Amino acid sequence: MEMTEREQVIAELRYLKRDCLEGSATDQTIDKAIALLEGQTPKTMTLEEAKAYLASDDQDKKPLWVQWATSSVKGGWVLSHAVEDLMRRYESIYQARWVLWTQKPSDEQKEAVSWKM
């Protein structure tokens, strides 16, 4: 599988890091950059993570990306109140018919979802 641009940048940063003095400012900056980039990698949420997202007191909850197992139903960004509604209606089929993503996934990532039937 071909690496995404983000994955390639992370790999290059890890390569550069090997030449840095451990604990140096450059070493720490590379660690921060890697952490930021890895934090932006889209991933599907487990049911527990989705519930924790809803239970959070954060007033500025970021939107999540919803993906449905059938291609006839379009996925897209959903706000927290819509996530609450989805969970109320469809929690029993979470990860079997729909999932939530932390970021918008690529087409390859969407195709790689392993649906739990």
Protein backbone atom coordinates (compact mmCIF):
# COMPACT_ATOMS: atom_id res chain seq x y z
CA MET A 1 0.00 0.00 0.00
CA GLU A 2 1.28 3.45 -0.89
CA MET A 3 2.01 5.90 1.92
CA THR A 4 -0.06 9.06 2.22
CA GLU A 5 1.77 12.39 2.22
CA ARG A 6 1.24 12.70 5.99
CA GLU A 7 2.68 9.21 6.59
CA GLN A 8 5.65 10.04 4.40
CA VAL A 9 6.36 13.26 6.34
CA ILE A 10 6.16 11.36 9.64
CA ALA A 11 8.60 8.76 8.30
CA GLU A 12 11.00 11.50 7.14
CA LEU A 13 10.82 13.21 10.54
CA ARG A 14 11.61 9.91 12.29
CA TYR A 15 14.58 9.48 9.95
CA LEU A 16 15.86 12.99 10.74
CA LYS A 17 15.37 12.41 14.45
CA ARG A 18 17.96 9.63 14.53
CA ASP A 19 20.71 12.25 13.92
CA CYS A 20 19.56 14.54 16.74
CA LEU A 21 21.04 14.67 20.19
CA GLU A 22 18.44 13.13 22.50
CA GLY A 23 16.67 15.84 24.49
CA SER A 24 17.95 18.67 22.31
CA ALA A 25 15.61 21.42 21.12
CA THR A 26 15.57 19.90 17.63
CA ASP A 27 14.79 16.46 19.04
CA GLN A 28 11.90 17.86 21.09
CA THR A 29 10.56 19.87 18.14
CA ILE A 30 10.56 16.79 15.92
CA ASP A 31 8.72 14.84 18.65
CA LYS A 32 6.06 17.58 18.83
CA ALA A 33 5.68 17.68 15.04
CA ILE A 34 5.26 13.90 14.87
CA ALA A 35 2.69 13.97 17.68
CA LEU A 36 0.71 16.70 15.91
CA LEU A 37 0.77 14.87 12.60
CA GLU A 38 -0.17 11.54 14.17
CA GLY A 39 -3.02 13.24 16.04
CA GLN A 40 -4.45 14.31 12.69
CA THR A 41 -4.57 10.82 11.27
CA PRO A 42 -8.19 9.79 10.76
CA LYS A 43 -9.24 6.75 12.76
CA THR A 44 -12.52 5.05 13.46
CA MET A 45 -13.84 5.43 16.96
CA THR A 46 -14.79 2.47 19.10
CA LEU A 47 -18.25 2.50 20.65
CA GLU A 48 -16.62 3.41 23.98
CA GLU A 49 -14.74 6.34 22.41
CA ALA A 50 -17.94 7.59 20.78
CA LYS A 51 -19.75 7.43 24.13
CA ALA A 52 -16.87 9.25 25.85
CA TYR A 53 -17.04 11.94 23.16
CA LEU A 54 -20.73 12.42 23.93
CA ALA A 55 -20.18 12.39 27.69
CA SER A 56 -17.49 15.07 27.48
CA ASP A 57 -18.36 18.49 28.94
CA ASP A 58 -16.47 20.21 26.13
CA GLN A 59 -18.82 22.82 24.67
CA ASP A 60 -16.78 23.02 21.44
CA LYS A 61 -16.89 19.38 20.42
CA LYS A 62 -15.37 18.94 17.00
CA PRO A 63 -17.51 17.44 14.26
CA LEU A 64 -17.01 13.77 13.43
CA TRP A 65 -17.23 12.00 10.09
CA VAL A 66 -19.91 9.33 9.79
CA GLN A 67 -19.53 6.44 7.34
CA TRP A 68 -22.27 3.96 6.52
CA ALA A 69 -21.54 0.39 5.42
CA THR A 70 -23.67 0.72 2.30
CA SER A 71 -22.41 2.97 -0.45
CA SER A 72 -25.96 4.07 -1.23
CA VAL A 73 -25.99 6.13 1.98
CA LYS A 74 -23.66 9.12 1.80
CA GLY A 75 -21.35 9.80 4.76
CA GLY A 76 -20.34 13.20 5.99
CA TRP A 77 -19.59 15.53 8.86
CA VAL A 78 -21.91 15.39 11.86
CA LEU A 79 -22.14 17.69 14.87
CA SER A 80 -22.41 16.43 18.44
CA HIS A 81 -26.22 16.70 18.61
CA ALA A 82 -26.47 14.56 15.45
CA VAL A 83 -24.05 12.03 16.96
CA GLU A 84 -26.32 11.83 20.02
CA ASP A 85 -29.29 11.13 17.75
CA LEU A 86 -27.38 8.50 15.77
CA MET A 87 -26.32 6.76 18.97
CA ARG A 88 -29.83 6.82 20.35
CA ARG A 89 -31.28 5.30 17.18
CA TYR A 90 -28.50 3.05 15.91
CA GLU A 91 -26.14 2.17 18.77
CA SER A 92 -26.95 -1.54 18.40
CA ILE A 93 -25.56 -1.59 14.85
CA TYR A 94 -22.49 0.59 15.48
CA GLN A 95 -19.46 -0.86 13.67
CA ALA A 96 -21.76 -3.26 11.82
CA ARG A 97 -23.56 -0.65 9.68
CA TRP A 98 -21.94 2.67 10.56
CA VAL A 99 -18.83 4.13 12.20
CA LEU A 100 -17.56 7.51 13.32
CA TRP A 101 -14.18 8.87 12.28
CA THR A 102 -12.09 11.47 14.13
CA GLN A 103 -11.24 13.15 10.79
CA LYS A 104 -12.45 12.81 7.22
CA PRO A 105 -10.99 9.52 5.96
CA SER A 106 -9.45 8.94 2.55
CA ASP A 107 -11.22 6.62 0.12
CA GLU A 108 -8.61 3.95 0.89
CA GLN A 109 -9.26 4.26 4.62
CA LYS A 110 -13.01 4.00 4.09
CA GLU A 111 -12.58 0.86 2.00
CA ALA A 112 -10.34 -0.69 4.69
CA VAL A 113 -12.99 -0.56 7.44
CA SER A 114 -13.64 -4.01 8.85
CA TRP A 115 -17.36 -4.16 9.49
CA LYS A 116 -18.41 -6.31 12.45
CA MET A 117 -21.43 -8.22 11.26
